[in-house]
C-alpha atoms as a PDB file:
ATOM      1  CA  UNK A   1       0.000   0.000   0.000  1.00  0.00           C
ATOM      2  CA  UNK A   2       1.418   3.350  -1.004  1.00  0.00           C
ATOM      3  CA  UNK A   3       1.846   6.310   1.277  1.00  0.00           C
ATOM      4  CA  UNK A   4      -0.861   8.222  -0.567  1.00  0.00           C
ATOM      5  CA  UNK A   5      -3.385   5.394  -0.153  1.00  0.00           C
ATOM      6  CA  UNK A   6      -2.591   5.019   3.577  1.00  0.00           C
ATOM      7  CA  UNK A   7      -3.004   8.744   4.076  1.00  0.00           C
ATOM      8  CA  UNK A   8      -6.366   8.749   2.265  1.00  0.00           C
ATOM      9  CA  UNK A   9      -7.550   5.767   4.307  1.00  0.00           C
ATOM     10  CA  UNK A  10      -6.448   7.437   7.558  1.00  0.00           C
ATOM     11  CA  UNK A  11      -8.299  10.632   6.586  1.00  0.00           C
ATOM     12  CA  UNK A  12     -11.510   8.723   5.861  1.00  0.00           C
ATOM     13  CA  UNK A  13     -11.203   6.823   9.154  1.00  0.00           C
ATOM     14  CA  UNK A  14     -10.599  10.068  11.066  1.00  0.00           C
ATOM     15  CA  UNK A  15     -13.664  11.701   9.464  1.00  0.00           C
ATOM     16  CA  UNK A  16     -15.885   8.714  10.214  1.00  0.00           C
ATOM     17  CA  UNK A  17     -14.885   8.587  13.857  1.00  0.00           C
ATOM     18  CA  UNK A  18     -14.788  12.266  14.760  1.00  0.00           C
ATOM     19  CA  UNK A  19     -16.993  14.081  12.234  1.00  0.00           C
ATOM     20  CA  UNK A  20     -20.084  11.886  12.660  1.00  0.00           C
ATOM     21  CA  UNK A  21     -20.406  12.109  16.416  1.00  0.00           C
ATOM     22  CA  UNK A  22     -23.107  14.444  17.735  1.00  0.00           C
ATOM     23  CA  UNK A  23     -21.995  17.873  18.765  1.00  0.00           C
ATOM     24  CA  UNK A  24     -22.255  18.558  22.477  1.00  0.00           C
ATOM     25  CA  UNK A  25     -23.336  22.092  23.220  1.00  0.00           C
ATOM     26  CA  UNK A  26     -22.455  23.620  26.561  1.00  0.00           C
ATOM     27  CA  UNK A  27     -25.363  24.829  28.686  1.00  0.00           C
ATOM     28  CA  UNK A  28     -26.028  28.580  28.653  1.00  0.00           C
ATOM     29  CA  UNK A  29     -24.258  30.614  31.305  1.00  0.00           C
ATOM     30  CA  UNK A  30     -26.111  30.779  34.613  1.00  0.00           C
ATOM     31  CA  UNK A  31     -25.883  34.581  34.711  1.00  0.00           C
ATOM     32  CA  UNK A  32     -28.443  34.986  31.901  1.00  0.00           C
ATOM     33  CA  UNK A  33     -32.025  35.181  33.108  1.00  0.00           C
ATOM     34  CA  UNK A  34     -34.472  32.826  31.400  1.00  0.00           C
ATOM     35  CA  UNK A  35     -36.548  34.369  28.624  1.00  0.00           C
ATOM     36  CA  UNK A  36     -39.877  35.789  29.767  1.00  0.00           C
ATOM     37  CA  UNK A  37     -42.805  33.434  29.400  1.00  0.00           C
ATOM     38  CA  UNK A  38     -45.338  34.436  26.773  1.00  0.00           C
ATOM     39  CA  UNK A  39     -48.815  34.407  28.181  1.00  0.00           C
ATOM     40  CA  UNK A  40     -51.436  33.521  25.652  1.00  0.00           C
ATOM     41  CA  UNK A  41     -54.923  34.814  26.114  1.00  0.00           C
ATOM     42  CA  UNK A  42     -57.405  31.954  25.997  1.00  0.00           C
ATOM     43  CA  UNK A  43     -59.845  32.271  23.120  1.00  0.00           C
ATOM     44  CA  UNK A  44     -62.766  31.985  25.517  1.00  0.00           C
ATOM     45  CA  UNK A  45     -61.864  35.263  27.196  1.00  0.00           C
ATOM     46  CA  UNK A  46     -62.226  37.308  23.980  1.00  0.00           C
ATOM     47  CA  UNK A  47     -65.651  38.856  23.799  1.00  0.00           C
ATOM     48  CA  UNK A  48     -67.719  38.289  20.645  1.00  0.00           C
ATOM     49  CA  UNK A  49     -67.609  42.017  19.977  1.00  0.00           C
ATOM     50  CA  UNK A  50     -63.801  42.053  20.154  1.00  0.00           C
ATOM     51  CA  UNK A  51     -63.650  39.142  17.718  1.00  0.00           C
ATOM     52  CA  UNK A  52     -66.078  40.898  15.366  1.00  0.00           C
ATOM     53  CA  UNK A  53     -63.995  44.079  15.523  1.00  0.00           C
ATOM     54  CA  UNK A  54     -60.807  42.166  14.750  1.00  0.00           C
ATOM     55  CA  UNK A  55     -62.407  40.375  11.786  1.00  0.00           C
ATOM     56  CA  UNK A  56     -63.740  43.695  10.483  1.00  0.00           C
ATOM     57  CA  UNK A  57     -60.288  45.283  10.854  1.00  0.00           C
ATOM     58  CA  UNK A  58     -58.650  42.390   9.010  1.00  0.00           C
ATOM     59  CA  UNK A  59     -61.192  42.604   6.201  1.00  0.00           C
ATOM     60  CA  UNK A  60     -60.408  46.312   5.834  1.00  0.00           C
ATOM     61  CA  UNK A  61     -56.693  45.537   5.606  1.00  0.00           C
ATOM     62  CA  UNK A  62     -57.423  42.814   3.043  1.00  0.00           C
ATOM     63  CA  UNK A  63     -59.504  45.261   0.982  1.00  0.00           C
ATOM     64  CA  UNK A  64     -56.699  47.841   1.023  1.00  0.00           C
ATOM     65  CA  UNK A  65     -54.085  45.250   0.008  1.00  0.00           C
ATOM     66  CA  UNK A  66     -56.360  43.968  -2.758  1.00  0.00           C
ATOM     67  CA  UNK A  67     -56.854  47.493  -4.058  1.00  0.00           C
ATOM     68  CA  UNK A  68     -53.079  48.009  -4.199  1.00  0.00           C
ATOM     69  CA  UNK A  69     -52.737  44.660  -5.981  1.00  0.00           C
ATOM     70  CA  UNK A  70     -55.388  45.707  -8.520  1.00  0.00           C
ATOM     71  CA  UNK A  71     -53.410  48.861  -9.280  1.00  0.00           C
ATOM     72  CA  UNK A  72     -50.231  46.832  -9.816  1.00  0.00           C
ATOM     73  CA  UNK A  73     -52.087  44.335 -11.993  1.00  0.00           C
ATOM     74  CA  UNK A  74     -53.406  47.189 -14.144  1.00  0.00           C
ATOM     75  CA  UNK A  75     -49.804  48.447 -14.526  1.00  0.00           C
ATOM     76  CA  UNK A  76     -48.727  44.984 -15.684  1.00  0.00           C
ATOM     77  CA  UNK A  77     -46.714  44.134 -12.571  1.00  0.00           C
ATOM     78  CA  UNK A  78     -48.313  40.715 -12.172  1.00  0.00           C
ATOM     79  CA  UNK A  79     -45.809  39.180  -9.748  1.00  0.00           C
ATOM     80  CA  UNK A  80     -46.021  42.128  -7.367  1.00  0.00           C
ATOM     81  CA  UNK A  81     -49.809  42.068  -7.588  1.00  0.00           C
ATOM     82  CA  UNK A  82     -49.847  38.365  -6.693  1.00  0.00           C
ATOM     83  CA  UNK A  83     -47.828  39.096  -3.558  1.00  0.00           C
ATOM     84  CA  UNK A  84     -50.339  41.769  -2.491  1.00  0.00           C
ATOM     85  CA  UNK A  85     -53.298  39.459  -3.112  1.00  0.00           C
ATOM     86  CA  UNK A  86     -51.626  36.705  -1.093  1.00  0.00           C
ATOM     87  CA  UNK A  87     -51.018  39.145   1.769  1.00  0.00           C
ATOM     88  CA  UNK A  88     -54.670  40.174   1.619  1.00  0.00           C
ATOM     89  CA  UNK A  89     -55.771  36.558   1.904  1.00  0.00           C
ATOM     90  CA  UNK A  90     -53.366  36.009   4.793  1.00  0.00           C
ATOM     91  CA  UNK A  91     -55.214  38.793   6.624  1.00  0.00           C
ATOM     92  CA  UNK A  92     -58.699  37.556   5.754  1.00  0.00           C
ATOM     93  CA  UNK A  93     -58.868  34.056   4.220  1.00  0.00           C
ATOM     94  CA  UNK A  94     -62.580  34.442   3.401  1.00  0.00           C
ATOM     95  CA  UNK A  95     -62.124  37.638   1.358  1.00  0.00           C
ATOM     96  CA  UNK A  96     -63.570  36.621  -2.022  1.00  0.00           C
ATOM     97  CA  UNK A  97     -62.271  39.515  -4.153  1.00  0.00           C
ATOM     98  CA  UNK A  98     -58.709  38.553  -3.215  1.00  0.00           C
ATOM     99  CA  UNK A  99     -59.244  35.110  -4.750  1.00  0.00           C
ATOM    100  CA  UNK A 100     -60.885  36.611  -7.834  1.00  0.00           C
ATOM    101  CA  UNK A 101     -57.975  38.942  -8.559  1.00  0.00           C
ATOM    102  CA  UNK A 102     -55.448  36.234  -7.737  1.00  0.00           C
ATOM    103  CA  UNK A 103     -57.134  34.062 -10.376  1.00  0.00           C
ATOM    104  CA  UNK A 104     -57.014  36.992 -12.809  1.00  0.00           C
ATOM    105  CA  UNK A 105     -53.293  37.388 -12.121  1.00  0.00           C
ATOM    106  CA  UNK A 106     -52.528  33.733 -12.780  1.00  0.00           C
ATOM    107  CA  UNK A 107     -54.638  33.878 -15.921  1.00  0.00           C
ATOM    108  CA  UNK A 108     -52.545  36.846 -17.069  1.00  0.00           C
ATOM    109  CA  UNK A 109     -49.416  34.736 -16.455  1.00  0.00           C
ATOM    110  CA  UNK A 110     -50.902  32.029 -18.730  1.00  0.00           C
ATOM    111  CA  UNK A 111     -51.224  29.552 -15.841  1.00  0.00           C
ATOM    112  CA  UNK A 112     -54.833  28.448 -16.288  1.00  0.00           C
ATOM    113  CA  UNK A 113     -54.720  25.493 -13.849  1.00  0.00           C
ATOM    114  CA  UNK A 114     -53.558  27.756 -11.007  1.00  0.00           C
ATOM    115  CA  UNK A 115     -56.128  30.371 -12.010  1.00  0.00           C
ATOM    116  CA  UNK A 116     -58.844  27.706 -11.840  1.00  0.00           C
ATOM    117  CA  UNK A 117     -57.942  26.872  -8.244  1.00  0.00           C
ATOM    118  CA  UNK A 118     -58.316  30.489  -7.138  1.00  0.00           C
ATOM    119  CA  UNK A 119     -61.392  31.028  -9.313  1.00  0.00           C
ATOM    120  CA  UNK A 120     -63.103  28.135  -7.534  1.00  0.00           C
ATOM    121  CA  UNK A 121     -62.314  29.769  -4.171  1.00  0.00           C
ATOM    122  CA  UNK A 122     -63.634  33.115  -5.407  1.00  0.00           C
ATOM    123  CA  UNK A 123     -66.824  31.423  -6.590  1.00  0.00           C
ATOM    124  CA  UNK A 124     -67.237  29.845  -3.162  1.00  0.00           C
ATOM    125  CA  UNK A 125     -66.843  33.109  -1.231  1.00  0.00           C
ATOM    126  CA  UNK A 126     -68.622  35.436  -3.674  1.00  0.00           C
ATOM    127  CA  UNK A 127     -71.624  33.179  -4.261  1.00  0.00           C
ATOM    128  CA  UNK A 128     -74.919  35.012  -3.934  1.00  0.00           C
ATOM    129  CA  UNK A 129     -73.410  38.433  -4.681  1.00  0.00           C
ATOM    130  CA  UNK A 130     -74.956  39.614  -7.956  1.00  0.00           C
ATOM    131  CA  UNK A 131     -72.307  42.318  -8.470  1.00  0.00           C
ATOM    132  CA  UNK A 132     -69.642  39.618  -8.790  1.00  0.00           C
ATOM    133  CA  UNK A 133     -71.595  36.954 -10.690  1.00  0.00           C
ATOM    134  CA  UNK A 134     -71.047  38.365 -14.204  1.00  0.00           C
ATOM    135  CA  UNK A 135     -67.314  38.813 -13.529  1.00  0.00           C
ATOM    136  CA  UNK A 136     -67.009  35.282 -12.177  1.00  0.00           C
ATOM    137  CA  UNK A 137     -68.843  33.839 -15.186  1.00  0.00           C
ATOM    138  CA  UNK A 138     -66.595  35.699 -17.639  1.00  0.00           C
ATOM    139  CA  UNK A 139     -63.473  34.659 -15.754  1.00  0.00           C
ATOM    140  CA  UNK A 140     -64.666  31.042 -15.668  1.00  0.00           C
ATOM    141  CA  UNK A 141     -65.166  31.069 -19.451  1.00  0.00           C
ATOM    142  CA  UNK A 142     -61.668  32.528 -19.979  1.00  0.00           C
ATOM    143  CA  UNK A 143     -60.127  29.871 -17.771  1.00  0.00           C
ATOM    144  CA  UNK A 144     -62.021  27.077 -19.550  1.00  0.00           C
ATOM    145  CA  UNK A 145     -60.868  28.402 -22.916  1.00  0.00           C
ATOM    146  CA  UNK A 146     -57.224  28.651 -21.802  1.00  0.00           C
ATOM    147  CA  UNK A 147     -57.339  25.164 -20.313  1.00  0.00           C
ATOM    148  CA  UNK A 148     -58.754  23.725 -23.555  1.00  0.00           C
ATOM    149  CA  UNK A 149     -55.792  25.250 -25.402  1.00  0.00           C
ATOM    150  CA  UNK A 150     -53.277  23.445 -23.197  1.00  0.00           C
ATOM    151  CA  UNK A 151     -51.316  20.786 -25.000  1.00  0.00           C
ATOM    152  CA  UNK A 152     -50.519  17.760 -22.911  1.00  0.00           C
ATOM    153  CA  UNK A 153     -47.329  16.077 -24.125  1.00  0.00           C
END
């Protein structure tokens, strides 16, 4: 066995023995105080009015974010608009217009399957609202047309 081979073998052995053992971390110094405990408010203690106010506030934030996303979508900044619509839905997951405009954004990016997913959510949350029905129908037809044009390899 050559010197080079012995050296390589010794290096592999060294790595297997010492590099694979778990790292032992020392305990934190005793002089540091423990982090303060976070006290969570039980959901039962929130009054129905407080919950209603919070939901109303979140819906207002979602509406503002959606409006900003609509402006970006009109300017052609589709990716930025998508981020705003997603933030709006993070604030209020039941905000139907956010899903509608998210579907419109994905349709603009030529991703009809993704647009269909968000269109279905918009249809669910905007059902029974006549002001949105014509828009939803038109968007549904556009998505169906784009999906029929897809070529599956």
